[in-house]
Amino acid sequence: MLVALVRPRESCTVTVEGKNVTDLRGELAAQVPAGWELVSAHATMKAGGIRTVEGRYERRDGTQEIEADDMTALEAKVPDGWQMLSVRST
């Protein structure tokens, strides 16, 4: 018997603008929804010293376990929009 840990695969982005990249990253960190994680922050510069930072968040909560007799069956049980994190045998 195999047991897999799965979680929803969701992501979203937020864009902030200003002059100080450190402050902008702080704004992104403050906007992280519960159960999500800031996984990247890409900064670009506009005319006049204005920086735009696009933060990408991914969902990290909502894990569940699924079971199956073999890997093929286990992979077939992963719901659409979910990802398999780990597999163990029992």
C-alpha atoms as a PDB file:
ATOM      1  CA  MET A   1       0.000   0.000   0.000  1.00  0.00           C
ATOM      2  CA  LEU A   2       1.255   3.476  -0.887  1.00  0.00           C
ATOM      3  CA  VAL A   3       0.273   6.702   0.849  1.00  0.00           C
ATOM      4  CA  ALA A   4       0.808  10.098  -0.764  1.00  0.00           C
ATOM      5  CA  LEU A   5       0.673  13.528   0.796  1.00  0.00           C
ATOM      6  CA  VAL A   6      -1.100  15.961  -1.560  1.00  0.00           C
ATOM      7  CA  ARG A   7      -2.041  19.642  -1.441  1.00  0.00           C
ATOM      8  CA  PRO A   8      -3.869  22.136  -3.635  1.00  0.00           C
ATOM      9  CA  ARG A   9      -1.758  23.731  -6.374  1.00  0.00           C
ATOM     10  CA  GLU A  10      -2.766  27.367  -6.373  1.00  0.00           C
ATOM     11  CA  SER A  11      -0.829  30.542  -6.972  1.00  0.00           C
ATOM     12  CA  CYS A  12      -1.530  34.243  -7.320  1.00  0.00           C
ATOM     13  CA  THR A  13       0.470  37.399  -7.930  1.00  0.00           C
ATOM     14  CA  VAL A  14       0.412  40.867  -6.415  1.00  0.00           C
ATOM     15  CA  THR A  15       2.165  43.910  -7.864  1.00  0.00           C
ATOM     16  CA  VAL A  16       3.356  46.880  -5.788  1.00  0.00           C
ATOM     17  CA  GLU A  17       5.108  50.082  -6.855  1.00  0.00           C
ATOM     18  CA  GLY A  18       7.371  52.531  -5.097  1.00  0.00           C
ATOM     19  CA  LYS A  19      10.971  53.706  -4.841  1.00  0.00           C
ATOM     20  CA  ASN A  20      12.463  51.446  -2.165  1.00  0.00           C
ATOM     21  CA  VAL A  21      12.721  47.733  -3.027  1.00  0.00           C
ATOM     22  CA  THR A  22      13.102  46.740   0.638  1.00  0.00           C
ATOM     23  CA  ASP A  23       9.844  48.525   1.530  1.00  0.00           C
ATOM     24  CA  LEU A  24       8.084  46.964  -1.457  1.00  0.00           C
ATOM     25  CA  ARG A  25       9.163  43.467  -0.459  1.00  0.00           C
ATOM     26  CA  GLY A  26       7.884  44.236   3.044  1.00  0.00           C
ATOM     27  CA  GLU A  27       4.525  45.200   1.543  1.00  0.00           C
ATOM     28  CA  LEU A  28       4.422  41.896  -0.325  1.00  0.00           C
ATOM     29  CA  ALA A  29       5.307  39.948   2.825  1.00  0.00           C
ATOM     30  CA  ALA A  30       2.536  41.744   4.739  1.00  0.00           C
ATOM     31  CA  GLN A  31      -0.032  40.683   2.106  1.00  0.00           C
ATOM     32  CA  VAL A  32       0.639  36.933   2.287  1.00  0.00           C
ATOM     33  CA  PRO A  33      -2.725  35.221   2.845  1.00  0.00           C
ATOM     34  CA  ALA A  34      -2.961  32.682   5.680  1.00  0.00           C
ATOM     35  CA  GLY A  35      -1.794  29.284   4.465  1.00  0.00           C
ATOM     36  CA  TRP A  36       0.162  30.775   1.558  1.00  0.00           C
ATOM     37  CA  GLU A  37       3.864  31.611   1.097  1.00  0.00           C
ATOM     38  CA  LEU A  38       5.650  34.318  -0.874  1.00  0.00           C
ATOM     39  CA  VAL A  39       7.816  32.267  -3.260  1.00  0.00           C
ATOM     40  CA  SER A  40       9.265  34.946  -5.533  1.00  0.00           C
ATOM     41  CA  ALA A  41       9.523  38.696  -5.941  1.00  0.00           C
ATOM     42  CA  HIS A  42      10.712  40.144  -9.254  1.00  0.00           C
ATOM     43  CA  ALA A  43      11.639  43.839  -9.384  1.00  0.00           C
ATOM     44  CA  THR A  44      11.758  46.059 -12.472  1.00  0.00           C
ATOM     45  CA  MET A  45      12.510  49.759 -12.777  1.00  0.00           C
ATOM     46  CA  LYS A  46      10.448  52.418 -14.519  1.00  0.00           C
ATOM     47  CA  ALA A  47      11.383  55.958 -15.466  1.00  0.00           C
ATOM     48  CA  GLY A  48      11.775  58.331 -12.540  1.00  0.00           C
ATOM     49  CA  GLY A  49      13.196  55.719 -10.171  1.00  0.00           C
ATOM     50  CA  ILE A  50       9.871  53.949  -9.666  1.00  0.00           C
ATOM     51  CA  ARG A  51      10.246  50.248  -9.064  1.00  0.00           C
ATOM     52  CA  THR A  52       7.599  47.642  -9.663  1.00  0.00           C
ATOM     53  CA  VAL A  53       7.802  44.393  -7.739  1.00  0.00           C
ATOM     54  CA  GLU A  54       5.619  41.438  -8.671  1.00  0.00           C
ATOM     55  CA  GLY A  55       5.259  38.925  -5.859  1.00  0.00           C
ATOM     56  CA  ARG A  56       4.112  35.379  -6.465  1.00  0.00           C
ATOM     57  CA  TYR A  57       2.347  33.456  -3.701  1.00  0.00           C
ATOM     58  CA  GLU A  58       1.667  29.726  -3.560  1.00  0.00           C
ATOM     59  CA  ARG A  59      -0.764  27.902  -1.338  1.00  0.00           C
ATOM     60  CA  ARG A  60       0.913  25.689   1.258  1.00  0.00           C
ATOM     61  CA  ASP A  61      -1.981  24.502   3.445  1.00  0.00           C
ATOM     62  CA  GLY A  62      -4.760  21.986   2.910  1.00  0.00           C
ATOM     63  CA  THR A  63      -2.648  18.841   2.815  1.00  0.00           C
ATOM     64  CA  GLN A  64      -4.387  15.464   2.694  1.00  0.00           C
ATOM     65  CA  GLU A  65      -3.331  11.854   2.379  1.00  0.00           C
ATOM     66  CA  ILE A  66      -4.509   9.473  -0.333  1.00  0.00           C
ATOM     67  CA  GLU A  67      -3.877   5.712  -0.563  1.00  0.00           C
ATOM     68  CA  ALA A  68      -3.549   3.191  -3.382  1.00  0.00           C
ATOM     69  CA  ASP A  69      -1.998  -0.204  -4.088  1.00  0.00           C
ATOM     70  CA  ASP A  70       0.538   1.024  -6.667  1.00  0.00           C
ATOM     71  CA  MET A  71       2.018   4.252  -8.047  1.00  0.00           C
ATOM     72  CA  THR A  72      -0.159   4.321 -11.164  1.00  0.00           C
ATOM     73  CA  ALA A  73      -3.322   4.078  -9.089  1.00  0.00           C
ATOM     74  CA  LEU A  74      -1.981   6.627  -6.626  1.00  0.00           C
ATOM     75  CA  GLU A  75      -1.228   9.148  -9.390  1.00  0.00           C
ATOM     76  CA  ALA A  76      -4.729   8.613 -10.789  1.00  0.00           C
ATOM     77  CA  LYS A  77      -6.215   9.554  -7.399  1.00  0.00           C
ATOM     78  CA  VAL A  78      -4.529  12.978  -7.252  1.00  0.00           C
ATOM     79  CA  PRO A  79      -7.397  15.452  -7.769  1.00  0.00           C
ATOM     80  CA  ASP A  80      -7.198  18.021 -10.571  1.00  0.00           C
ATOM     81  CA  GLY A  81      -5.487  21.162  -9.311  1.00  0.00           C
ATOM     82  CA  TRP A  82      -3.555  19.270  -6.624  1.00  0.00           C
ATOM     83  CA  GLN A  83       0.060  18.125  -6.455  1.00  0.00           C
ATOM     84  CA  MET A  84       1.710  15.117  -4.891  1.00  0.00           C
ATOM     85  CA  LEU A  85       4.341  16.076  -2.313  1.00  0.00           C
ATOM     86  CA  SER A  86       5.605  12.753  -1.073  1.00  0.00           C
ATOM     87  CA  VAL A  87       4.951   9.006  -1.185  1.00  0.00           C
ATOM     88  CA  ARG A  88       5.570   6.355   1.460  1.00  0.00           C
ATOM     89  CA  SER A  89       4.770   2.682   1.685  1.00  0.00           C
ATOM     90  CA  THR A  90       2.888   1.167   4.581  1.00  0.00           C
END
